[in-house]
Every structure is written in structure tokens, then in C-alpha cells.
Amino acid sequence: MCIFILIWNQLLSINMSLLTVFFKIISTFFYSGFFPKAPGTLGTLMGALLYSSNVIFLDYSNSYLLYITIAVILISIISSHYAIRIFNSNDPQCVVIDEVAGIFVTMLFIPFSIPNLLMGIILFRLFDIWKPLFIKSAEKMHGGLGITMDDVLAGLASNIILRLIIF
């Protein structure tokens, strides 16, 4: 394990500018986080577009969408953690990959339809902005975990409310 860490640190020092560009692209979800007005909402819409394209064009099963959602959450945690250093802020406004993870959690195991997706987007943005109960406390977690987990919890709350509405 120690050798892996040494090699990883060497790669980081050699290719730092390339990794910086890579993590900027991922954490801002292809630069959509640099939109001047409501970058979180645009990030959510971009995430909903990605989710929809996976469901419509690739016809993934629920279990496969679960794996994709877990992967998006992990990518969000890692890229958000590096974005803290890149943007020199504990919670950079331009980082919207966490919104992508949140909308994926919102729609997980929900039957796909445009009305369900629209309700999911509205509920997710409501919970993400309002941050009731336990959602706000997740922001206190360190690094990329704190950036991502409040959106994951907002997505979970949105998912539960959406289920109550449609079932």
C-alpha cells in the first residue's frame, strides 16, 4: 500500500497541471459550474440530462443505475476534494458534480417519465437549497465528502417524497 501511495504522489507531482484540468472538468461537470447565474440548478439539469440519456438510450436496469449512481457519488467525492485545493475554497460554487450525484440519487428506482423527472428536479433543488434536518449537518464533513453528502442526502429525501407522491 505504501508503494502505491509513493507512486501516486510522484504521478501527482509530475502531471499536476493535467490532473488539475481533469478535476476542473469533472468537478464543474464539463464547466457548467461556471455559469454565472444558478450554477447548482444548471448542474442539476445537466445531471438530469445525463440520467435521462442513460435510461432512454441505453435502457439500463435499476441495478445498473444503482452502480452508476454509486460511481457518480464516488467521483463526486474525489473530484470535489481536489477542487477544494484547485479553487482555494472549502465549498466552491462552481463545483456542481455533487448536484449530478444528488439528482441521480433522487431518481434512483423511480419509474422514468418526464413528469417524474421534473418533480424530482424540483424536489431535489428544494431540499438542496433549504437543507432541513440532517442534510445541513452533512456539510460539516471534511473535504469532498462534505460537499457531496449534503446533496446525496437531499437526493435521498427527494427520492422518498417523490415515492410518496407517485405511488
Foldseek 3Di string as FASTA:
>chain_A
DVVVVVVVVVVCVVCVVVVLVVLLCLQLVNQCLVPPPPSQLSLLVVLLVVVVCCCPVVVDDLVVLVVVLVVLLVSQLVSQQVVCVSVVHQADSSGRSLSSSLLSLLCRPPPDDPVLSVLSSVQLVVCLVVVPDCLVVLLPDGGSRNNNRSSNVSSNVNNVVSVVVPD
